[in-house]
């Protein structure tokens, strides 16, 4: 359990977190992520697996037991970009996410999905969106590598996919700052600060979490190697440079992110009021005749079907 000084350092909600239900792309179970976020004193945790909601029930059960707010969302990467996270702000938004994921998965082979930006212009009005595209790669391949930038050089204008994002999710979209301590965070921040006013989008801190604890990094490396069909030592730049994609202590986040970006994560979390507790299974009562229960009506239909199928009597088997 984190100490009281750490809890008092800053308030934060993690909005971008994959679990092991993002197959071979994360190294922690949903319950482990919830437990760690709670121990670190996070105000909320969003589970945002890759085009999936498969882990949310396990996360919800653990979060409810611990008293941690769980936000429900998904990560998506349209073929024509940009990479984004969608969060359900209401029960209607949850339904919109379910429908979108279903369409994307049905278009591709098992274990894959296919999505285009046009799919995101359909009704997602009850979903909030984070653009989680790394600004260092958003302009590739025409943009020079980060090392070529002098401190006084103005960043290039926002690329077209980000302008599309800003237009599509106006009033409910954010640029996510995912800082990794890899020597390039200053350039990431510089581009985001230049693009945010041009796009009319606020900036929020986000972790891009792949594991609940830094100790899981070796496992994450092995999973990455399996996904890439190679050995760990052959991964090169595809391997994680450090363990910063874990859930980090609040004091570390406070030292890394501007206070306003951390505070913005709480504003987003406050707009996400949906919880799985709002869902109830509803039997289709409209097919049940008056004065009968669903069970007695089903019994009647079975008897009628038996009479049609076996006019001479139902076989004992």
Protein backbone atom coordinates (compact mmCIF):
# COMPACT_ATOMS: atom_id res chain seq x y z
CA UNK A 1 0.00 0.00 0.00
CA UNK A 2 1.36 3.39 -0.93
CA UNK A 3 2.24 5.77 1.89
CA UNK A 4 0.14 8.76 2.85
CA UNK A 5 2.65 11.26 1.42
CA UNK A 6 2.36 9.59 -1.96
CA UNK A 7 -1.43 9.72 -1.82
CA UNK A 8 -1.29 13.43 -1.03
CA UNK A 9 1.11 14.19 -3.88
CA UNK A 10 -1.43 14.42 -6.69
CA UNK A 11 -4.79 13.09 -7.84
CA UNK A 12 -4.83 11.07 -11.03
CA UNK A 13 -7.00 8.73 -13.10
CA UNK A 14 -5.31 6.31 -15.49
CA UNK A 15 -7.22 6.45 -18.79
CA UNK A 16 -5.22 4.13 -21.05
CA UNK A 17 -4.47 0.63 -19.80
CA UNK A 18 -4.32 -2.74 -21.54
CA UNK A 19 -4.62 -6.07 -19.74
CA UNK A 20 -3.69 -9.61 -20.76
CA UNK A 21 -6.98 -9.66 -22.70
CA UNK A 22 -5.05 -7.67 -25.31
CA UNK A 23 -3.48 -10.93 -26.44
CA UNK A 24 0.35 -10.90 -26.32
CA UNK A 25 0.33 -7.11 -25.88
CA UNK A 26 0.15 -6.74 -22.10
CA UNK A 27 1.51 -8.65 -19.12
CA UNK A 28 -1.00 -8.26 -16.27
CA UNK A 29 -4.43 -9.60 -15.44
CA UNK A 30 -7.33 -7.14 -15.01
CA UNK A 31 -7.55 -7.79 -11.26
CA UNK A 32 -3.81 -7.16 -10.83
CA UNK A 33 -4.12 -3.79 -12.55
CA UNK A 34 -7.08 -2.82 -10.37
CA UNK A 35 -5.30 -3.86 -7.18
CA UNK A 36 -2.16 -1.94 -8.08
CA UNK A 37 -4.06 1.21 -9.08
CA UNK A 38 -5.93 1.10 -5.80
CA UNK A 39 -2.73 0.58 -3.81
CA UNK A 40 -1.10 3.55 -5.54
CA UNK A 41 -4.02 5.81 -4.67
CA UNK A 42 -5.38 6.37 -8.18
CA UNK A 43 -8.82 7.97 -8.32
CA UNK A 44 -9.92 5.74 -11.22
CA UNK A 45 -8.63 3.24 -13.74
CA UNK A 46 -9.84 2.75 -17.31
CA UNK A 47 -9.48 -0.72 -18.81
CA UNK A 48 -8.97 -0.15 -22.54
CA UNK A 49 -8.04 -3.44 -24.16
CA UNK A 50 -7.37 -3.58 -27.88
CA UNK A 51 -10.74 -3.72 -29.68
CA UNK A 52 -12.17 -5.71 -26.80
CA UNK A 53 -14.23 -5.46 -23.62
CA UNK A 54 -13.40 -9.03 -22.59
CA UNK A 55 -11.59 -8.15 -19.37
CA UNK A 56 -14.04 -5.65 -17.92
CA UNK A 57 -16.12 -8.10 -15.86
CA UNK A 58 -13.10 -9.36 -13.91
CA UNK A 59 -11.84 -5.81 -13.48
CA UNK A 60 -15.29 -4.63 -12.35
CA UNK A 61 -15.63 -7.35 -9.73
CA UNK A 62 -12.26 -6.51 -8.19
CA UNK A 63 -12.79 -2.75 -8.44
CA UNK A 64 -16.17 -3.01 -6.73
CA UNK A 65 -14.63 -5.03 -3.89
CA UNK A 66 -11.87 -2.45 -3.40
CA UNK A 67 -13.96 0.67 -3.98
CA UNK A 68 -11.99 1.85 -7.02
CA UNK A 69 -13.81 3.58 -9.87
CA UNK A 70 -13.47 1.57 -13.07
CA UNK A 71 -13.90 3.25 -16.43
CA UNK A 72 -14.74 1.08 -19.41
CA UNK A 73 -13.26 1.65 -22.83
CA UNK A 74 -11.28 0.20 -25.70
CA UNK A 75 -8.24 1.00 -27.81
CA UNK A 76 -8.67 1.14 -31.58
CA UNK A 77 -6.36 1.79 -34.51
CA UNK A 78 -8.22 2.51 -37.75
CA UNK A 79 -6.38 1.50 -40.90
CA UNK A 80 -6.24 5.17 -41.87
CA UNK A 81 -5.32 6.29 -38.30
CA UNK A 82 -4.95 7.74 -35.77
CA UNK A 83 -4.68 5.36 -32.80
CA UNK A 84 -7.27 6.26 -30.17
CA UNK A 85 -9.00 5.21 -26.98
CA UNK A 86 -12.78 5.39 -26.60
CA UNK A 87 -14.38 5.60 -23.13
CA UNK A 88 -18.05 4.94 -22.39
CA UNK A 89 -19.55 7.92 -20.57
CA UNK A 90 -22.97 6.27 -20.15
CA UNK A 91 -24.82 3.00 -20.65
CA UNK A 92 -25.70 4.15 -24.13
CA UNK A 93 -22.01 4.75 -24.80
CA UNK A 94 -21.24 1.23 -23.62
CA UNK A 95 -23.72 -0.08 -26.16
CA UNK A 96 -22.08 2.03 -28.86
CA UNK A 97 -18.69 0.54 -28.00
CA UNK A 98 -20.09 -3.00 -28.09
CA UNK A 99 -21.63 -2.45 -31.52
CA UNK A 100 -18.44 -0.90 -32.93
CA UNK A 101 -16.21 -3.70 -31.63
CA UNK A 102 -18.60 -6.31 -33.02
CA UNK A 103 -18.52 -4.74 -36.49
CA UNK A 104 -14.73 -4.47 -36.47
CA UNK A 105 -14.19 -8.06 -35.32
CA UNK A 106 -16.70 -9.58 -37.77
CA UNK A 107 -14.79 -8.09 -40.71
CA UNK A 108 -11.55 -9.91 -39.92
CA UNK A 109 -10.24 -13.35 -39.05
CA UNK A 110 -10.36 -14.53 -35.45
CA UNK A 111 -7.96 -12.58 -33.27
CA UNK A 112 -7.93 -9.55 -35.57
CA UNK A 113 -10.15 -6.59 -36.41
CA UNK A 114 -10.58 -4.14 -39.26
CA UNK A 115 -11.71 -0.57 -38.81
CA UNK A 116 -11.64 2.67 -40.78
CA UNK A 117 -12.13 6.27 -39.74
CA UNK A 118 -15.51 6.23 -41.47
CA UNK A 119 -16.73 3.71 -38.88
CA UNK A 120 -16.02 6.27 -36.16
CA UNK A 121 -18.27 8.88 -37.70
CA UNK A 122 -21.30 6.73 -36.88
CA UNK A 123 -23.10 7.22 -33.58
CA UNK A 124 -20.49 7.40 -30.83
CA UNK A 125 -22.03 10.46 -29.21
CA UNK A 126 -21.86 8.98 -25.70
CA UNK A 127 -18.18 8.07 -25.96
CA UNK A 128 -15.19 10.22 -25.06
CA UNK A 129 -12.02 9.89 -27.13
CA UNK A 130 -8.30 10.19 -26.52
CA UNK A 131 -5.87 10.44 -29.39
CA UNK A 132 -2.99 8.23 -28.19
CA UNK A 133 -0.91 8.54 -31.36
CA UNK A 134 2.72 9.24 -30.47
CA UNK A 135 3.45 12.74 -31.82
CA UNK A 136 6.98 11.63 -32.69
CA UNK A 137 5.64 9.14 -35.22
CA UNK A 138 2.51 10.99 -36.31
CA UNK A 139 4.42 12.82 -39.05
CA UNK A 140 6.51 9.91 -40.27
CA UNK A 141 7.96 9.34 -42.79
CA UNK A 142 8.18 12.90 -44.08
CA UNK A 143 9.08 14.45 -40.73
CA UNK A 144 12.73 14.39 -39.63
CA UNK A 145 13.59 12.23 -36.60
CA UNK A 146 13.38 13.96 -33.20
CA UNK A 147 17.18 14.35 -32.95
CA UNK A 148 17.13 16.66 -35.98
CA UNK A 149 15.01 19.27 -34.19
CA UNK A 150 16.68 22.25 -32.58
CA UNK A 151 15.02 23.60 -29.46
CA UNK A 152 13.92 26.72 -31.31
CA UNK A 153 12.45 24.90 -34.31
CA UNK A 154 8.67 25.16 -34.46
CA UNK A 155 6.91 21.81 -34.81
CA UNK A 156 5.22 21.05 -38.11
CA UNK A 157 1.45 21.64 -38.35
CA UNK A 158 -0.80 18.89 -37.00
CA UNK A 159 -1.06 16.01 -39.49
CA UNK A 160 -4.34 15.39 -41.27
CA UNK A 161 -5.42 12.36 -39.14
CA UNK A 162 -5.22 14.53 -36.03
CA UNK A 163 -7.25 17.26 -37.68
CA UNK A 164 -9.85 14.63 -38.55
CA UNK A 165 -9.85 13.49 -34.92
CA UNK A 166 -10.34 17.03 -33.64
CA UNK A 167 -13.29 17.58 -35.97
CA UNK A 168 -14.95 14.21 -35.31
CA UNK A 169 -14.65 14.35 -31.52
CA UNK A 170 -15.04 18.08 -30.95
CA UNK A 171 -16.05 18.72 -27.34
CA UNK A 172 -15.24 15.17 -26.25
CA UNK A 173 -11.72 14.59 -27.53
CA UNK A 174 -8.26 14.99 -25.98
CA UNK A 175 -4.64 14.66 -26.98
CA UNK A 176 -3.04 12.08 -24.67
CA UNK A 177 0.48 12.80 -23.44
CA UNK A 178 2.22 9.46 -22.87
CA UNK A 179 5.64 10.24 -21.42
CA UNK A 180 8.11 7.37 -21.30
CA UNK A 181 11.44 8.70 -19.96
CA UNK A 182 13.13 7.54 -23.17
CA UNK A 183 14.96 10.79 -23.88
CA UNK A 184 12.26 12.12 -26.22
CA UNK A 185 9.60 13.36 -23.79
CA UNK A 186 10.60 17.00 -24.21
CA UNK A 187 9.95 16.84 -27.95
CA UNK A 188 6.63 15.03 -27.37
CA UNK A 189 5.51 17.77 -25.00
CA UNK A 190 6.65 20.49 -27.37
CA UNK A 191 4.60 19.12 -30.25
CA UNK A 192 1.55 18.51 -28.12
CA UNK A 193 1.66 22.06 -26.73
CA UNK A 194 1.91 23.44 -30.25
CA UNK A 195 -0.82 21.23 -31.70
CA UNK A 196 -3.39 21.48 -28.90
CA UNK A 197 -4.45 25.11 -29.56
CA UNK A 198 -4.30 24.58 -33.33
CA UNK A 199 -6.66 21.61 -33.00
CA UNK A 200 -8.81 23.06 -30.23
CA UNK A 201 -8.10 20.04 -28.04
CA UNK A 202 -7.00 19.87 -24.38
CA UNK A 203 -4.10 17.65 -23.29
CA UNK A 204 -4.39 14.93 -20.69
CA UNK A 205 -1.81 12.72 -19.04
CA UNK A 206 -2.05 9.01 -19.81
CA UNK A 207 0.18 6.04 -19.11
CA UNK A 208 -0.15 3.65 -22.03
CA UNK A 209 -0.06 0.93 -19.36
CA UNK A 210 0.91 -2.64 -20.33
CA UNK A 211 1.70 -4.10 -16.88
CA UNK A 212 0.74 -3.45 -13.29
CA UNK A 213 4.30 -3.63 -11.93
CA UNK A 214 7.75 -2.95 -13.46
CA UNK A 215 8.78 -6.50 -12.49
CA UNK A 216 6.56 -7.78 -15.31
CA UNK A 217 8.80 -6.27 -17.98
CA UNK A 218 10.64 -9.56 -18.75
CA UNK A 219 7.27 -11.24 -19.34
CA UNK A 220 6.17 -8.36 -21.57
CA UNK A 221 9.36 -8.76 -23.59
CA UNK A 222 8.72 -12.49 -24.02
CA UNK A 223 5.12 -11.84 -25.12
CA UNK A 224 6.36 -9.28 -27.64
CA UNK A 225 8.89 -11.79 -29.00
CA UNK A 226 6.17 -14.43 -29.38
CA UNK A 227 3.96 -11.95 -31.23
CA UNK A 228 6.85 -10.97 -33.52
CA UNK A 229 7.86 -14.62 -34.10
CA UNK A 230 11.41 -14.01 -33.01
CA UNK A 231 13.75 -14.26 -30.02
CA UNK A 232 13.87 -11.56 -27.35
CA UNK A 233 17.46 -10.65 -28.27
CA UNK A 234 16.35 -10.08 -31.87
CA UNK A 235 13.56 -7.62 -31.08
CA UNK A 236 15.72 -4.52 -31.49
CA UNK A 237 13.65 -1.33 -31.28
CA UNK A 238 10.45 -3.36 -30.89
CA UNK A 239 11.33 -4.16 -27.29
CA UNK A 240 10.29 -1.85 -24.46
CA UNK A 241 13.12 0.57 -23.67
CA UNK A 242 12.23 0.64 -19.99
CA UNK A 243 9.44 -0.29 -17.57
CA UNK A 244 7.59 3.03 -17.80
CA UNK A 245 4.51 1.35 -19.27
CA UNK A 246 3.65 0.11 -15.78
CA UNK A 247 1.31 1.73 -13.27
CA UNK A 248 3.60 4.34 -11.71
CA UNK A 249 3.56 5.93 -8.24
CA UNK A 250 1.79 9.26 -7.97
CA UNK A 251 5.00 11.03 -6.97
CA UNK A 252 6.65 9.83 -10.20
CA UNK A 253 3.73 11.11 -12.25
CA UNK A 254 3.84 14.44 -10.46
CA UNK A 255 7.52 14.81 -11.32
CA UNK A 256 6.93 13.87 -14.97
CA UNK A 257 3.68 15.59 -16.01
CA UNK A 258 2.42 19.17 -15.72
CA UNK A 259 -0.16 19.47 -12.97
CA UNK A 260 -2.81 20.63 -15.44
CA UNK A 261 -2.43 17.47 -17.53
CA UNK A 262 -2.84 15.27 -14.47
CA UNK A 263 -5.88 17.26 -13.36
CA UNK A 264 -7.42 16.85 -16.82
CA UNK A 265 -7.44 13.08 -16.33
CA UNK A 266 -9.82 13.58 -13.40
CA UNK A 267 -12.11 15.81 -15.46
CA UNK A 268 -12.40 13.06 -18.06
CA UNK A 269 -13.02 10.41 -15.42
CA UNK A 270 -15.83 12.52 -13.94
CA UNK A 271 -17.62 12.47 -17.29
CA UNK A 272 -17.58 8.66 -17.38
CA UNK A 273 -20.48 7.69 -15.14
CA UNK A 274 -21.19 4.21 -16.53
CA UNK A 275 -20.67 1.10 -14.42
CA UNK A 276 -21.47 -2.52 -15.17
CA UNK A 277 -23.78 -2.45 -12.13
CA UNK A 278 -26.23 -0.56 -14.36
CA UNK A 279 -26.69 -3.62 -16.58
CA UNK A 280 -29.47 -6.12 -15.94
CA UNK A 281 -30.44 -9.17 -17.95
CA UNK A 282 -33.91 -8.57 -19.36
CA UNK A 283 -35.87 -11.58 -20.59
CA UNK A 284 -37.99 -10.75 -23.67
CA UNK A 285 -41.30 -10.62 -21.77
CA UNK A 286 -43.16 -9.29 -24.81
CA UNK A 287 -43.38 -12.87 -26.16
CA UNK A 288 -44.94 -14.25 -22.97
CA UNK A 289 -48.77 -14.43 -23.00
CA UNK A 290 -50.70 -12.86 -20.13
CA UNK A 291 -51.04 -14.93 -16.93
CA UNK A 292 -47.95 -17.02 -17.80
CA UNK A 293 -44.37 -16.76 -16.68
CA UNK A 294 -41.51 -17.23 -19.15
CA UNK A 295 -40.86 -20.68 -17.64
CA UNK A 296 -44.48 -21.90 -17.92
CA UNK A 297 -44.76 -20.55 -21.49
CA UNK A 298 -41.54 -22.31 -22.48
CA UNK A 299 -42.94 -25.53 -20.99
CA UNK A 300 -46.10 -25.10 -23.11
CA UNK A 301 -44.07 -24.52 -26.30
CA UNK A 302 -41.94 -27.58 -25.63
CA UNK A 303 -45.06 -29.73 -25.19
CA UNK A 304 -46.51 -28.37 -28.44
CA UNK A 305 -43.25 -29.03 -30.26
CA UNK A 306 -43.08 -32.59 -28.93
CA UNK A 307 -46.58 -33.27 -30.24
CA UNK A 308 -45.65 -32.02 -33.72
CA UNK A 309 -42.33 -33.84 -33.90
CA UNK A 310 -43.51 -37.14 -32.43
CA UNK A 311 -47.28 -37.55 -33.15
CA UNK A 312 -47.17 -41.10 -31.81
CA UNK A 313 -45.55 -40.04 -28.55
CA UNK A 314 -42.14 -38.79 -27.47
CA UNK A 315 -39.42 -41.49 -27.36
CA UNK A 316 -38.07 -42.15 -23.89
CA UNK A 317 -34.52 -41.24 -24.99
